[in-house]
């Protein structure tokens, strides 16, 4: 099994797409996608351009949380038995603290079926310093990695500023690579995984963030969509999904820390559905706000 970690918006799904582009035709690949919210938009994105792989979705929480460990172990064991993959890739939720991966793989139901081969961690070079409130969790993702991809390196002016030394201090054993669009060679030397030093405790609690899933059969104009995105950008850490416009266009939405991009997609025939993750004061309802901006 290969484990892929990284905070929200760091490029994990793009990394998986690159991996599938290279290997899905020659290997039977099983992908486990763990989503913080109840809807897994990432699986839809992967299926847009790739085939020859199977997905096990685990939504609405981290599989590394004690409350989900038992059911996940059972689901993964069944998944392996059913599809008999050549390899497995686990894309952890961006909110996860994956230090209990060893506990998962030592389960009697999995011990003879799967072993951990490699740990990748994607670091968002642009937004890394904006997540200080969740730094412990992100640091744990970095510290167990064999290979750390400092992604979006093309968007930072000084590629050798204090970010790289900070990562090297957290994990002096990992191979650190600067990447753009999560492009990397997959044939580099593999290393043994390393856990936290003795005496350090994992952060087991779930962070104080909320996820809101917006679903609608109604259409929204480009102008009103722009108004909606401006209204939700404060406190928004991650947004992702599909939106139907009044023009008939189908748009794929991605956002990190209030910066949104929209890309037209084809072969998408489903209602609007996207997830917003962040800190929402006064229990704001993004669903109501979106509906109020839609065409009658």
Protein backbone atom coordinates (compact mmCIF):
# COMPACT_ATOMS: atom_id res chain seq x y z
CA UNK A 1 0.00 0.00 0.00
CA UNK A 2 1.06 3.55 -0.73
CA UNK A 3 -0.28 6.26 1.59
CA UNK A 4 -0.88 9.77 0.21
CA UNK A 5 -1.31 12.56 2.77
CA UNK A 6 -1.41 16.34 2.67
CA UNK A 7 -3.59 19.16 3.90
CA UNK A 8 -6.69 20.33 2.03
CA UNK A 9 -5.87 21.67 -1.41
CA UNK A 10 -2.26 20.49 -1.48
CA UNK A 11 -2.74 18.42 -4.65
CA UNK A 12 -3.43 14.85 -3.52
CA UNK A 13 -6.10 14.13 -6.14
CA UNK A 14 -3.95 15.65 -8.89
CA UNK A 15 -1.14 13.37 -7.71
CA UNK A 16 -3.47 10.37 -8.00
CA UNK A 17 -4.54 11.39 -11.50
CA UNK A 18 -0.88 11.56 -12.54
CA UNK A 19 -0.27 8.14 -11.01
CA UNK A 20 -3.24 6.61 -12.78
CA UNK A 21 -2.22 8.17 -16.08
CA UNK A 22 1.08 6.32 -15.80
CA UNK A 23 0.07 2.98 -14.33
CA UNK A 24 -3.66 2.24 -14.61
CA UNK A 25 -3.23 0.51 -17.97
CA UNK A 26 -0.63 -1.97 -16.72
CA UNK A 27 -1.67 -2.65 -13.11
CA UNK A 28 -4.88 -3.43 -11.26
CA UNK A 29 -5.02 -0.53 -8.82
CA UNK A 30 -7.30 -0.19 -5.82
CA UNK A 31 -7.79 3.32 -4.46
CA UNK A 32 -9.15 4.12 -1.01
CA UNK A 33 -10.37 7.71 -0.79
CA UNK A 34 -11.12 9.12 2.63
CA UNK A 35 -13.16 12.33 2.56
CA UNK A 36 -13.79 14.66 5.51
CA UNK A 37 -17.31 15.44 4.30
CA UNK A 38 -20.23 13.16 3.46
CA UNK A 39 -19.72 13.61 -0.29
CA UNK A 40 -16.64 12.43 -2.16
CA UNK A 41 -16.16 14.80 -5.08
CA UNK A 42 -12.61 13.54 -5.67
CA UNK A 43 -13.79 10.13 -6.87
CA UNK A 44 -15.89 11.81 -9.57
CA UNK A 45 -12.87 13.85 -10.64
CA UNK A 46 -10.68 10.74 -10.97
CA UNK A 47 -13.29 8.95 -13.04
CA UNK A 48 -13.52 11.81 -15.55
CA UNK A 49 -10.30 10.83 -17.33
CA UNK A 50 -9.20 7.46 -15.98
CA UNK A 51 -10.30 3.85 -15.94
CA UNK A 52 -8.90 0.49 -14.92
CA UNK A 53 -9.06 1.06 -11.19
CA UNK A 54 -11.50 0.49 -8.34
CA UNK A 55 -12.39 2.91 -5.56
CA UNK A 56 -13.37 2.30 -1.95
CA UNK A 57 -14.92 5.49 -0.55
CA UNK A 58 -14.89 6.27 3.17
CA UNK A 59 -16.67 9.56 3.79
CA UNK A 60 -17.63 11.90 6.63
CA UNK A 61 -14.62 11.49 8.89
CA UNK A 62 -11.03 10.33 9.09
CA UNK A 63 -10.39 6.59 8.86
CA UNK A 64 -7.60 7.16 11.39
CA UNK A 65 -10.11 8.24 14.02
CA UNK A 66 -10.69 5.49 16.57
CA UNK A 67 -14.44 5.66 15.99
CA UNK A 68 -14.02 4.53 12.35
CA UNK A 69 -11.09 2.13 12.59
CA UNK A 70 -13.10 -1.08 13.07
CA UNK A 71 -15.54 -0.55 10.20
CA UNK A 72 -12.75 0.61 7.89
CA UNK A 73 -10.64 -2.48 8.55
CA UNK A 74 -13.61 -4.70 7.65
CA UNK A 75 -14.37 -2.70 4.49
CA UNK A 76 -10.75 -2.72 3.35
CA UNK A 77 -10.38 -6.47 3.91
CA UNK A 78 -13.52 -7.12 1.85
CA UNK A 79 -12.35 -4.68 -0.84
CA UNK A 80 -9.02 -6.52 -1.20
CA UNK A 81 -10.73 -9.92 -1.37
CA UNK A 82 -13.18 -8.75 -4.02
CA UNK A 83 -10.89 -6.97 -6.48
CA UNK A 84 -7.52 -8.66 -5.78
CA UNK A 85 -5.51 -5.52 -6.66
CA UNK A 86 -1.85 -5.48 -7.66
CA UNK A 87 -1.45 -2.45 -5.44
CA UNK A 88 -3.42 -0.15 -3.15
CA UNK A 89 -3.24 3.61 -2.76
CA UNK A 90 -4.84 5.25 0.27
CA UNK A 91 -5.58 8.96 -0.16
CA UNK A 92 -6.07 10.19 3.39
CA UNK A 93 -8.44 13.02 4.20
CA UNK A 94 -6.70 16.39 4.25
CA UNK A 95 -7.85 16.71 7.87
CA UNK A 96 -6.38 13.39 8.96
CA UNK A 97 -3.63 12.68 11.44
CA UNK A 98 -2.36 9.40 9.96
CA UNK A 99 -0.15 8.18 12.78
CA UNK A 100 -2.37 5.18 13.46
CA UNK A 101 -1.74 3.67 10.02
CA UNK A 102 0.46 1.08 11.72
CA UNK A 103 -2.43 0.06 13.96
CA UNK A 104 -4.66 -0.39 10.91
CA UNK A 105 -2.23 -2.59 9.01
CA UNK A 106 -1.46 -4.72 12.06
CA UNK A 107 -5.11 -5.72 12.34
CA UNK A 108 -5.47 -9.53 12.12
CA UNK A 109 -7.81 -9.09 9.14
CA UNK A 110 -5.21 -7.13 7.16
CA UNK A 111 -1.85 -8.34 8.44
CA UNK A 112 -1.45 -11.02 5.77
CA UNK A 113 -3.12 -9.02 2.99
CA UNK A 114 -1.33 -5.68 2.80
CA UNK A 115 1.83 -3.91 3.92
CA UNK A 116 2.91 -0.28 3.78
CA UNK A 117 5.28 0.29 0.89
CA UNK A 118 5.59 4.07 0.71
CA UNK A 119 4.26 7.28 2.24
CA UNK A 120 3.86 10.45 0.18
CA UNK A 121 3.04 13.84 1.67
CA UNK A 122 2.05 16.85 -0.40
CA UNK A 123 2.76 20.28 1.05
CA UNK A 124 1.02 23.37 -0.31
CA UNK A 125 3.96 25.76 -0.82
CA UNK A 126 1.65 28.75 -1.18
CA UNK A 127 -0.67 28.24 1.79
CA UNK A 128 1.42 26.23 4.27
CA UNK A 129 1.85 29.16 6.64
CA UNK A 130 -1.90 29.86 6.72
CA UNK A 131 -2.77 26.70 8.66
CA UNK A 132 -1.03 27.41 11.95
CA UNK A 133 -4.13 26.41 13.90
CA UNK A 134 -3.81 22.86 12.56
CA UNK A 135 -0.04 22.73 12.40
CA UNK A 136 0.36 19.73 14.70
CA UNK A 137 -1.79 17.60 12.43
CA UNK A 138 0.06 18.73 9.30
CA UNK A 139 3.43 18.21 10.97
CA UNK A 140 2.48 14.61 11.68
CA UNK A 141 1.66 14.11 8.00
CA UNK A 142 5.13 15.40 7.12
CA UNK A 143 6.96 13.40 9.74
CA UNK A 144 5.78 9.98 8.62
CA UNK A 145 6.48 10.58 4.91
CA UNK A 146 9.14 8.89 2.81
CA UNK A 147 8.75 11.45 0.03
CA UNK A 148 7.55 15.03 0.54
CA UNK A 149 6.33 16.95 -2.49
CA UNK A 150 6.42 20.71 -1.98
CA UNK A 151 3.70 21.36 -4.52
CA UNK A 152 2.79 24.60 -6.35
CA UNK A 153 6.49 25.50 -6.31
CA UNK A 154 6.01 27.49 -9.50
CA UNK A 155 3.85 29.96 -7.54
CA UNK A 156 6.41 30.92 -4.90
CA UNK A 157 9.16 33.44 -5.60
CA UNK A 158 11.92 32.03 -3.42
CA UNK A 159 11.98 28.24 -3.61
CA UNK A 160 14.70 27.99 -0.97
CA UNK A 161 13.21 30.19 1.75
CA UNK A 162 12.50 29.00 5.28
CA UNK A 163 9.85 26.48 4.16
CA UNK A 164 12.33 23.84 3.00
CA UNK A 165 14.52 24.07 6.14
CA UNK A 166 11.36 23.81 8.26
CA UNK A 167 10.31 20.63 6.47
CA UNK A 168 13.84 19.22 6.73
CA UNK A 169 13.77 19.89 10.47
CA UNK A 170 10.46 18.08 10.84
CA UNK A 171 11.63 15.13 8.75
CA UNK A 172 15.36 14.98 7.97
CA UNK A 173 15.00 11.47 6.50
CA UNK A 174 12.54 12.16 3.67
CA UNK A 175 13.24 12.85 0.03
CA UNK A 176 11.97 16.42 -0.54
CA UNK A 177 11.04 17.44 -4.07
CA UNK A 178 9.73 20.72 -5.49
CA UNK A 179 6.78 20.05 -7.81
CA UNK A 180 4.14 21.79 -9.88
CA UNK A 181 0.75 20.16 -10.52
CA UNK A 182 2.05 17.23 -8.39
CA UNK A 183 4.20 15.95 -11.25
CA UNK A 184 6.87 13.57 -10.01
CA UNK A 185 8.88 10.55 -11.10
CA UNK A 186 7.39 7.43 -9.51
CA UNK A 187 10.49 5.31 -9.98
CA UNK A 188 12.72 6.85 -7.31
CA UNK A 189 14.16 4.73 -4.53
CA UNK A 190 11.69 3.62 -1.88
CA UNK A 191 12.43 4.00 1.82
CA UNK A 192 11.14 2.58 5.06
CA UNK A 193 8.46 4.58 6.79
CA UNK A 194 9.30 6.40 10.03
CA UNK A 195 6.98 7.30 12.87
CA UNK A 196 7.19 10.06 15.47
CA UNK A 197 10.04 9.91 18.00
CA UNK A 198 9.23 8.01 21.24
CA UNK A 199 7.22 9.97 23.76
CA UNK A 200 5.35 12.21 21.30
CA UNK A 201 1.60 11.85 21.17
CA UNK A 202 -0.61 11.96 18.11
CA UNK A 203 -3.35 14.55 17.94
CA UNK A 204 -6.46 12.41 17.93
CA UNK A 205 -9.16 15.04 18.18
CA UNK A 206 -11.11 16.28 15.20
CA UNK A 207 -10.29 19.93 14.36
CA UNK A 208 -12.85 22.68 14.86
CA UNK A 209 -13.85 22.91 11.22
CA UNK A 210 -17.13 22.24 9.50
CA UNK A 211 -18.00 20.89 6.09
CA UNK A 212 -21.08 21.96 4.17
CA UNK A 213 -22.33 20.14 1.10
CA UNK A 214 -24.29 22.29 -1.34
CA UNK A 215 -26.68 20.42 -3.63
CA UNK A 216 -29.11 21.93 -6.09
CA UNK A 217 -31.10 21.14 -9.22
CA UNK A 218 -31.31 24.84 -10.01
CA UNK A 219 -28.98 26.83 -12.27
CA UNK A 220 -26.87 29.83 -11.36
CA UNK A 221 -25.55 32.60 -13.59
CA UNK A 222 -21.81 33.34 -13.79
CA UNK A 223 -22.35 36.73 -12.16
CA UNK A 224 -24.37 35.32 -9.26
CA UNK A 225 -21.86 32.51 -8.82
CA UNK A 226 -19.11 35.11 -8.51
CA UNK A 227 -21.17 36.93 -5.86
CA UNK A 228 -21.69 33.67 -3.97
CA UNK A 229 -17.98 32.78 -4.00
CA UNK A 230 -17.02 36.25 -2.78
CA UNK A 231 -19.53 35.90 0.05
CA UNK A 232 -18.12 32.57 1.29
CA UNK A 233 -14.40 33.20 0.81
CA UNK A 234 -13.82 34.35 4.39
CA UNK A 235 -13.17 31.27 6.49
CA UNK A 236 -13.19 28.93 3.50
CA UNK A 237 -10.19 26.58 3.54
CA UNK A 238 -11.22 24.20 0.77
CA UNK A 239 -14.00 23.98 -1.81
CA UNK A 240 -14.48 21.45 -4.56
CA UNK A 241 -17.26 20.15 -6.79
CA UNK A 242 -19.46 20.64 -9.83
CA UNK A 243 -21.80 23.53 -10.66
CA UNK A 244 -24.40 23.90 -13.45
CA UNK A 245 -24.67 27.37 -14.99
CA UNK A 246 -27.66 29.04 -16.64
CA UNK A 247 -25.66 29.09 -19.89
CA UNK A 248 -25.68 25.30 -19.96
CA UNK A 249 -22.00 25.02 -19.07
CA UNK A 250 -20.87 22.54 -16.43
CA UNK A 251 -18.09 23.90 -14.23
CA UNK A 252 -15.61 22.18 -11.96
CA UNK A 253 -14.93 24.33 -8.90
CA UNK A 254 -11.73 24.22 -6.88
CA UNK A 255 -10.72 26.60 -4.13
CA UNK A 256 -8.13 26.96 -1.38
CA UNK A 257 -8.25 29.74 1.20
CA UNK A 258 -10.76 31.82 -0.71
CA UNK A 259 -9.02 31.60 -4.08
CA UNK A 260 -11.36 29.89 -6.54
CA UNK A 261 -10.86 28.49 -10.02
CA UNK A 262 -13.55 27.32 -12.43
CA UNK A 263 -12.97 24.96 -15.33
CA UNK A 264 -15.57 23.84 -17.85
CA UNK A 265 -16.02 20.07 -17.99
CA UNK A 266 -17.74 17.76 -20.43
CA UNK A 267 -19.50 14.44 -19.91
CA UNK A 268 -21.00 15.62 -16.62
CA UNK A 269 -24.74 15.09 -16.24
CA UNK A 270 -25.70 15.51 -12.60
CA UNK A 271 -27.11 18.19 -10.29
CA UNK A 272 -24.87 20.82 -8.76
CA UNK A 273 -22.93 19.35 -5.87
CA UNK A 274 -19.87 20.71 -4.11
CA UNK A 275 -18.34 20.76 -0.65
CA UNK A 276 -17.03 23.71 1.35
CA UNK A 277 -14.74 23.08 4.32
CA UNK A 278 -13.71 25.78 6.77
CA UNK A 279 -14.66 27.79 9.81
CA UNK A 280 -18.15 29.22 9.48
CA UNK A 281 -19.13 31.71 12.22
CA UNK A 282 -22.71 31.94 13.41
CA UNK A 283 -23.55 28.65 11.69
CA UNK A 284 -23.90 30.25 8.29
CA UNK A 285 -25.79 28.15 5.78
CA UNK A 286 -24.04 28.19 2.44
CA UNK A 287 -26.90 26.12 1.00
CA UNK A 288 -29.43 28.90 1.63
CA UNK A 289 -27.05 31.50 0.25
CA UNK A 290 -26.46 29.49 -2.90
CA UNK A 291 -30.17 28.87 -3.41
CA UNK A 292 -30.91 32.59 -3.07
CA UNK A 293 -28.50 33.31 -5.93
CA UNK A 294 -29.92 30.67 -8.28
CA UNK A 295 -32.29 31.44 -11.12
CA UNK A 296 -36.01 30.90 -10.30
